Amino acid sequence: MEQANIPEFTEADKREANFHNFDETPEVVGKLIRIETGSFGDNLVVDTVNGEVTIGVYEALKSKITKEDIGKFVKIVCLGNKVSPKTRRSYKDFEVFVK
């Protein structure tokens, strides 16, 4: 492979995932464009009016949004932290709408 034409990369070229913070904005509305495999599980990538956002791994979303939903509009509303009666662990719960 010829590497003579590889450009220099700077900080301006760097891309970071824009993970959505549900504590700041409890709702995401947009088109689900892909599901990516991340370090800890699947991440949802949603195209919103403010650009692409990535929603990290949440157990409460795993069964509510699937690969069949790619290309559809989704509305994800964080209901806040709940405590599991079985495990007594805290988790974020969500309402999910798909159209």
Protein backbone atom coordinates (compact mmCIF):
# COMPACT_ATOMS: atom_id res chain seq x y z
CA MET A 1 0.00 0.00 0.00
CA GLU A 2 1.38 3.35 -0.96
CA GLN A 3 1.36 5.77 1.95
CA ALA A 4 2.94 8.78 0.33
CA ASN A 5 -0.37 10.65 0.13
CA ILE A 6 -1.61 10.17 3.71
CA PRO A 7 -2.50 13.60 5.13
CA GLU A 8 -1.52 14.89 8.57
CA PHE A 9 -4.35 14.78 11.13
CA THR A 10 -5.06 17.52 13.66
CA GLU A 11 -7.48 17.99 16.55
CA ALA A 12 -9.87 19.70 14.11
CA ASP A 13 -10.17 16.38 12.23
CA LYS A 14 -11.11 14.40 15.35
CA ARG A 15 -14.66 13.06 15.68
CA GLU A 16 -16.25 12.26 18.99
CA ALA A 17 -19.58 10.59 19.65
CA ASN A 18 -22.19 13.09 20.76
CA PHE A 19 -23.77 11.05 23.58
CA HIS A 20 -27.16 12.36 24.63
CA ASN A 21 -27.47 13.46 28.27
CA PHE A 22 -30.98 12.60 29.47
CA ASP A 23 -30.39 14.51 32.72
CA GLU A 24 -30.11 17.75 30.71
CA THR A 25 -32.75 16.98 28.05
CA PRO A 26 -35.11 14.11 28.93
CA GLU A 27 -36.48 13.67 25.40
CA VAL A 28 -34.99 12.73 22.01
CA VAL A 29 -37.07 12.90 18.82
CA GLY A 30 -35.78 12.04 15.36
CA LYS A 31 -35.11 9.30 12.85
CA LEU A 32 -33.24 6.21 14.00
CA ILE A 33 -30.49 5.97 11.40
CA ARG A 34 -28.40 3.12 12.77
CA ILE A 35 -27.56 0.90 15.71
CA GLU A 36 -23.82 0.66 16.36
CA THR A 37 -21.96 -1.82 18.48
CA GLY A 38 -20.13 0.07 21.19
CA SER A 39 -17.73 -1.00 23.90
CA PHE A 40 -20.54 -1.96 26.28
CA GLY A 41 -23.36 -2.89 23.88
CA ASP A 42 -25.49 -1.35 21.18
CA ASN A 43 -25.72 2.44 20.82
CA LEU A 44 -28.62 4.10 19.02
CA VAL A 45 -27.82 6.89 16.53
CA VAL A 46 -30.71 9.29 16.00
CA ASP A 47 -30.82 12.13 13.46
CA THR A 48 -32.50 15.05 15.27
CA VAL A 49 -33.15 18.66 14.29
CA ASN A 50 -29.88 19.46 16.11
CA GLY A 51 -27.84 16.81 14.27
CA GLU A 52 -26.91 13.24 15.06
CA VAL A 53 -26.93 12.12 18.67
CA THR A 54 -25.81 8.82 20.10
CA ILE A 55 -27.78 7.19 22.86
CA GLY A 56 -25.65 4.89 24.97
CA VAL A 57 -26.50 1.46 26.30
CA TYR A 58 -29.52 1.35 28.60
CA GLU A 59 -31.08 -1.98 29.58
CA ALA A 60 -34.55 -0.42 29.54
CA LEU A 61 -34.17 0.42 25.82
CA LYS A 62 -32.86 -2.95 24.60
CA SER A 63 -36.27 -4.58 24.14
CA LYS A 64 -38.07 -1.39 23.11
CA ILE A 65 -35.98 -0.45 20.04
CA THR A 66 -34.69 -3.04 17.58
CA LYS A 67 -32.89 -3.15 14.23
CA GLU A 68 -36.32 -3.35 12.53
CA ASP A 69 -36.91 0.25 13.71
CA ILE A 70 -33.99 1.68 11.68
CA GLY A 71 -35.36 4.31 9.30
CA LYS A 72 -38.40 5.02 11.48
CA PHE A 73 -39.06 8.07 13.63
CA VAL A 74 -38.59 7.56 17.35
CA LYS A 75 -39.43 9.53 20.45
CA ILE A 76 -37.53 8.47 23.55
CA VAL A 77 -38.60 10.01 26.86
CA CYS A 78 -36.55 9.44 30.00
CA LEU A 79 -38.84 8.83 32.97
CA GLY A 80 -35.98 9.18 35.43
CA ASN A 81 -34.32 6.74 37.74
CA LYS A 82 -36.29 3.78 39.06
CA VAL A 83 -35.30 1.11 41.57
CA SER A 84 -35.75 -2.52 40.62
CA PRO A 85 -37.78 -4.34 43.29
CA LYS A 86 -35.86 -7.56 42.55
CA THR A 87 -32.27 -6.33 42.53
CA ARG A 88 -32.70 -3.00 44.38
CA ARG A 89 -30.49 -1.45 41.70
CA SER A 90 -31.21 1.95 40.21
CA TYR A 91 -31.75 2.28 36.44
CA LYS A 92 -33.07 4.84 33.96
CA ASP A 93 -36.54 4.02 32.62
CA PHE A 94 -37.93 5.22 29.27
CA GLU A 95 -41.11 5.57 27.27
CA VAL A 96 -40.49 4.79 23.60
CA PHE A 97 -42.68 5.74 20.65
CA VAL A 98 -41.97 4.46 17.11
CA LYS A 99 -43.68 5.63 13.92
